[in-house]
N, C-alpha and C. Protein backbone atom coordinates (compact mmCIF):
# COMPACT_ATOMS: atom_id res chain seq x y z
N MET A 1 16.08 5.31 -12.19
CA MET A 1 14.74 5.59 -12.64
C MET A 1 14.79 5.85 -14.14
N THR A 2 13.90 5.24 -14.89
CA THR A 2 13.87 5.43 -16.33
C THR A 2 13.10 6.70 -16.68
N GLU A 3 13.18 7.11 -17.95
CA GLU A 3 12.48 8.31 -18.38
C GLU A 3 10.97 8.20 -18.20
N SER A 4 10.41 6.99 -18.36
CA SER A 4 8.97 6.82 -18.24
C SER A 4 8.51 6.64 -16.80
N ALA A 5 9.44 6.49 -15.87
CA ALA A 5 9.07 6.31 -14.47
C ALA A 5 8.65 7.64 -13.86
N VAL A 6 7.68 7.57 -12.97
CA VAL A 6 7.19 8.76 -12.28
C VAL A 6 7.40 8.54 -10.79
N GLU A 7 7.99 9.51 -10.14
CA GLU A 7 8.18 9.41 -8.69
C GLU A 7 7.09 10.22 -8.01
N ALA A 8 6.31 9.56 -7.19
CA ALA A 8 5.22 10.20 -6.46
C ALA A 8 5.00 9.44 -5.17
N SER A 9 4.30 10.04 -4.26
CA SER A 9 3.97 9.35 -3.02
C SER A 9 2.56 9.73 -2.63
N GLY A 10 1.98 8.94 -1.77
CA GLY A 10 0.63 9.20 -1.30
C GLY A 10 0.35 8.42 -0.03
N ILE A 11 -0.82 8.64 0.50
CA ILE A 11 -1.23 7.94 1.71
C ILE A 11 -2.48 7.14 1.42
N GLY A 12 -2.76 6.19 2.28
CA GLY A 12 -3.97 5.40 2.13
C GLY A 12 -4.26 4.62 3.38
N VAL A 13 -5.41 3.99 3.38
CA VAL A 13 -5.84 3.15 4.49
C VAL A 13 -6.04 1.74 3.95
N THR A 14 -5.32 0.80 4.52
CA THR A 14 -5.39 -0.59 4.06
C THR A 14 -6.66 -1.24 4.59
N GLU A 15 -7.38 -1.89 3.69
CA GLU A 15 -8.58 -2.62 4.08
C GLU A 15 -8.31 -4.11 4.21
N ASN A 16 -7.43 -4.62 3.35
CA ASN A 16 -7.18 -6.06 3.33
C ASN A 16 -5.75 -6.28 2.84
N VAL A 17 -5.02 -7.18 3.50
CA VAL A 17 -3.68 -7.52 3.05
C VAL A 17 -3.50 -9.03 3.16
N SER A 18 -2.82 -9.60 2.18
CA SER A 18 -2.53 -11.02 2.17
C SER A 18 -1.14 -11.21 1.59
N PRO A 19 -0.60 -12.43 1.62
CA PRO A 19 0.73 -12.63 1.04
C PRO A 19 0.79 -12.29 -0.46
N GLY A 20 -0.36 -12.32 -1.14
CA GLY A 20 -0.38 -12.07 -2.56
C GLY A 20 -0.60 -10.63 -2.97
N GLY A 21 -1.15 -9.81 -2.07
CA GLY A 21 -1.42 -8.43 -2.44
C GLY A 21 -2.19 -7.69 -1.37
N LEU A 22 -2.74 -6.55 -1.75
CA LEU A 22 -3.51 -5.78 -0.79
C LEU A 22 -4.54 -4.91 -1.49
N TYR A 23 -5.50 -4.46 -0.69
CA TYR A 23 -6.54 -3.55 -1.15
C TYR A 23 -6.53 -2.37 -0.21
N PHE A 24 -6.49 -1.15 -0.78
CA PHE A 24 -6.46 0.04 0.07
C PHE A 24 -7.28 1.15 -0.55
N HIS A 25 -7.60 2.14 0.25
CA HIS A 25 -8.32 3.34 -0.18
C HIS A 25 -7.35 4.51 -0.08
N THR A 26 -7.39 5.39 -1.09
CA THR A 26 -6.49 6.54 -1.08
C THR A 26 -7.13 7.75 -1.76
N PRO A 27 -6.89 8.94 -1.21
CA PRO A 27 -7.32 10.14 -1.92
C PRO A 27 -6.32 10.51 -3.02
N ASP A 28 -5.15 9.91 -2.99
CA ASP A 28 -4.06 10.20 -3.94
C ASP A 28 -4.08 9.21 -5.11
N TRP A 29 -5.21 9.09 -5.78
CA TRP A 29 -5.39 8.07 -6.81
C TRP A 29 -5.26 8.60 -8.23
N GLY A 30 -5.17 9.89 -8.40
CA GLY A 30 -5.22 10.49 -9.73
C GLY A 30 -4.16 10.00 -10.70
N ALA A 31 -2.97 9.66 -10.23
CA ALA A 31 -1.89 9.23 -11.12
C ALA A 31 -1.82 7.71 -11.30
N LEU A 32 -2.71 6.97 -10.65
CA LEU A 32 -2.67 5.50 -10.73
C LEU A 32 -3.46 5.00 -11.93
N HIS A 33 -3.01 3.88 -12.50
CA HIS A 33 -3.75 3.23 -13.57
C HIS A 33 -3.48 1.73 -13.53
N THR A 34 -4.37 0.96 -14.14
CA THR A 34 -4.26 -0.50 -14.17
C THR A 34 -2.95 -0.91 -14.84
N ASN A 35 -2.32 -1.93 -14.32
CA ASN A 35 -1.04 -2.50 -14.77
C ASN A 35 0.17 -1.63 -14.42
N GLN A 36 -0.02 -0.57 -13.69
CA GLN A 36 1.09 0.27 -13.25
C GLN A 36 1.85 -0.42 -12.13
N VAL A 37 3.17 -0.34 -12.16
CA VAL A 37 4.00 -0.87 -11.10
C VAL A 37 4.21 0.23 -10.07
N ILE A 38 3.93 -0.09 -8.81
CA ILE A 38 4.11 0.86 -7.72
C ILE A 38 4.91 0.20 -6.60
N TYR A 39 5.42 1.00 -5.71
CA TYR A 39 6.10 0.50 -4.51
C TYR A 39 5.27 0.88 -3.31
N VAL A 40 4.94 -0.10 -2.48
CA VAL A 40 4.08 0.16 -1.33
C VAL A 40 4.86 -0.08 -0.04
N ARG A 41 4.48 0.69 0.97
CA ARG A 41 5.03 0.51 2.31
C ARG A 41 3.89 0.68 3.29
N LEU A 42 3.64 -0.36 4.07
CA LEU A 42 2.59 -0.34 5.08
C LEU A 42 3.25 -0.37 6.45
N SER A 43 2.69 0.34 7.38
CA SER A 43 3.19 0.25 8.74
C SER A 43 2.03 0.45 9.69
N GLY A 44 2.12 -0.16 10.84
CA GLY A 44 1.06 -0.04 11.84
C GLY A 44 1.50 -0.58 13.18
N MET A 45 0.83 -0.08 14.19
CA MET A 45 1.13 -0.51 15.56
C MET A 45 0.40 -1.81 15.85
N GLY A 46 0.97 -2.59 16.74
CA GLY A 46 0.37 -3.83 17.16
C GLY A 46 1.03 -4.33 18.43
N SER A 47 0.74 -5.56 18.77
CA SER A 47 1.40 -6.15 19.94
C SER A 47 1.87 -7.55 19.58
N TYR A 48 2.94 -7.96 20.23
CA TYR A 48 3.52 -9.28 20.03
C TYR A 48 4.14 -9.69 21.35
N ASN A 49 3.72 -10.83 21.88
CA ASN A 49 4.20 -11.30 23.18
C ASN A 49 4.07 -10.22 24.25
N HIS A 50 2.93 -9.56 24.28
CA HIS A 50 2.61 -8.51 25.27
C HIS A 50 3.55 -7.32 25.19
N ARG A 51 4.14 -7.09 24.04
CA ARG A 51 5.01 -5.94 23.83
C ARG A 51 4.46 -5.11 22.68
N GLN A 52 4.62 -3.80 22.77
CA GLN A 52 4.17 -2.92 21.70
C GLN A 52 5.19 -2.95 20.56
N VAL A 53 4.69 -3.16 19.32
CA VAL A 53 5.58 -3.27 18.17
C VAL A 53 5.05 -2.43 17.01
N LEU A 54 5.95 -2.11 16.11
CA LEU A 54 5.61 -1.48 14.84
C LEU A 54 5.87 -2.52 13.77
N ARG A 55 4.85 -2.81 12.97
CA ARG A 55 4.98 -3.78 11.89
C ARG A 55 5.12 -3.04 10.57
N SER A 56 5.94 -3.58 9.68
CA SER A 56 6.18 -2.92 8.40
C SER A 56 6.20 -3.97 7.29
N VAL A 57 5.55 -3.64 6.17
CA VAL A 57 5.56 -4.48 4.97
C VAL A 57 5.86 -3.54 3.80
N ARG A 58 6.80 -3.92 2.95
CA ARG A 58 7.08 -3.09 1.79
C ARG A 58 7.47 -3.97 0.61
N GLY A 59 7.14 -3.48 -0.57
CA GLY A 59 7.48 -4.23 -1.76
C GLY A 59 6.93 -3.61 -3.03
N ARG A 60 7.28 -4.22 -4.12
CA ARG A 60 6.84 -3.79 -5.44
C ARG A 60 5.53 -4.50 -5.75
N ALA A 61 4.60 -3.77 -6.38
CA ALA A 61 3.29 -4.34 -6.67
C ALA A 61 2.77 -3.78 -7.99
N THR A 62 1.82 -4.50 -8.59
CA THR A 62 1.17 -4.08 -9.82
C THR A 62 -0.29 -3.78 -9.53
N VAL A 63 -0.78 -2.65 -10.02
CA VAL A 63 -2.18 -2.27 -9.83
C VAL A 63 -3.05 -3.18 -10.69
N LEU A 64 -3.95 -3.92 -10.05
CA LEU A 64 -4.87 -4.81 -10.75
C LEU A 64 -6.20 -4.14 -11.04
N ARG A 65 -6.66 -3.34 -10.08
CA ARG A 65 -7.98 -2.73 -10.21
C ARG A 65 -7.99 -1.38 -9.52
N LEU A 66 -8.62 -0.42 -10.14
CA LEU A 66 -8.78 0.92 -9.58
C LEU A 66 -10.27 1.22 -9.58
N GLU A 67 -10.82 1.52 -8.41
CA GLU A 67 -12.24 1.80 -8.27
C GLU A 67 -12.41 3.26 -7.86
N PRO A 68 -12.52 4.17 -8.84
CA PRO A 68 -12.66 5.60 -8.53
C PRO A 68 -13.92 5.87 -7.72
N PRO A 69 -13.90 6.90 -6.90
CA PRO A 69 -15.08 7.24 -6.10
C PRO A 69 -16.19 7.81 -6.98
N GLU A 70 -17.41 7.76 -6.48
CA GLU A 70 -18.54 8.33 -7.23
C GLU A 70 -18.39 9.83 -7.39
N GLU A 71 -17.83 10.49 -6.40
CA GLU A 71 -17.58 11.94 -6.43
C GLU A 71 -16.07 12.14 -6.48
N PRO A 72 -15.45 12.18 -7.66
CA PRO A 72 -13.98 12.23 -7.76
C PRO A 72 -13.33 13.37 -6.99
N ALA A 73 -13.97 14.52 -6.91
CA ALA A 73 -13.34 15.66 -6.23
C ALA A 73 -13.26 15.48 -4.72
N ALA A 74 -14.10 14.63 -4.16
CA ALA A 74 -14.15 14.54 -2.70
C ALA A 74 -13.89 13.14 -2.16
N GLY A 75 -13.68 12.15 -3.01
CA GLY A 75 -13.64 10.78 -2.53
C GLY A 75 -12.29 10.11 -2.60
N GLN A 76 -12.29 8.90 -2.09
CA GLN A 76 -11.10 8.07 -2.11
C GLN A 76 -11.36 6.89 -3.04
N ALA A 77 -10.35 6.52 -3.80
CA ALA A 77 -10.48 5.38 -4.70
C ALA A 77 -10.06 4.11 -3.97
N GLY A 78 -10.65 2.99 -4.37
CA GLY A 78 -10.21 1.70 -3.92
C GLY A 78 -9.18 1.18 -4.91
N VAL A 79 -8.09 0.61 -4.39
CA VAL A 79 -7.00 0.15 -5.26
C VAL A 79 -6.63 -1.28 -4.84
N ALA A 80 -6.67 -2.20 -5.80
CA ALA A 80 -6.25 -3.58 -5.57
C ALA A 80 -4.92 -3.79 -6.27
N VAL A 81 -3.93 -4.30 -5.53
CA VAL A 81 -2.61 -4.55 -6.12
C VAL A 81 -2.15 -5.97 -5.80
N ARG A 82 -1.31 -6.50 -6.67
CA ARG A 82 -0.69 -7.82 -6.50
C ARG A 82 0.80 -7.59 -6.25
N PHE A 83 1.34 -8.20 -5.19
CA PHE A 83 2.77 -8.10 -4.94
C PHE A 83 3.54 -8.79 -6.06
N ASP A 84 4.60 -8.15 -6.55
CA ASP A 84 5.48 -8.73 -7.55
C ASP A 84 6.65 -9.37 -6.80
N GLY A 85 6.45 -10.57 -6.36
CA GLY A 85 7.45 -11.23 -5.51
C GLY A 85 7.04 -11.11 -4.05
N ARG A 86 7.87 -11.64 -3.21
CA ARG A 86 7.58 -11.64 -1.78
C ARG A 86 7.93 -10.28 -1.16
N PRO A 87 6.96 -9.64 -0.47
CA PRO A 87 7.27 -8.35 0.16
C PRO A 87 8.20 -8.54 1.36
N LYS A 88 8.92 -7.50 1.70
CA LYS A 88 9.80 -7.52 2.87
C LYS A 88 8.99 -7.12 4.10
N THR A 89 9.21 -7.82 5.18
CA THR A 89 8.49 -7.52 6.42
C THR A 89 9.49 -7.25 7.53
N ALA A 90 9.04 -6.45 8.51
CA ALA A 90 9.88 -6.15 9.66
C ALA A 90 8.99 -5.95 10.88
N LEU A 91 9.57 -6.20 12.03
CA LEU A 91 8.87 -6.05 13.31
C LEU A 91 9.83 -5.32 14.25
N TYR A 92 9.41 -4.14 14.73
CA TYR A 92 10.26 -3.33 15.60
C TYR A 92 9.66 -3.28 16.99
N ASP A 93 10.41 -3.65 17.99
CA ASP A 93 9.96 -3.63 19.39
C ASP A 93 10.05 -2.21 19.93
N LEU A 94 8.93 -1.64 20.30
CA LEU A 94 8.88 -0.27 20.83
C LEU A 94 8.85 -0.23 22.35
N SER A 95 8.85 -1.40 22.97
CA SER A 95 8.77 -1.46 24.43
C SER A 95 10.09 -1.25 25.12
N ALA A 96 11.17 -1.37 24.39
CA ALA A 96 12.50 -1.30 25.01
C ALA A 96 12.88 0.11 25.41
């Protein structure tokens, strides 16, 4: 980690994801800014071939757009990011 790097974490709810990037809402938006490089990790339950699975996507991304809430003290910001390269994906079978 370089001197200018900041280590932080937060939570959010993904609204849209594609191979090129994602859009999510987060209450932890205060330290984010446009052109910032962040590392994202998404996970969620699903099914595959009638089996319960956990899906995971993680990778490095650049913040393209930050949409602060109208009421900053109580709201969640919308954040659009572009993946910097191909994100890593995984599928874990929880039925076993």
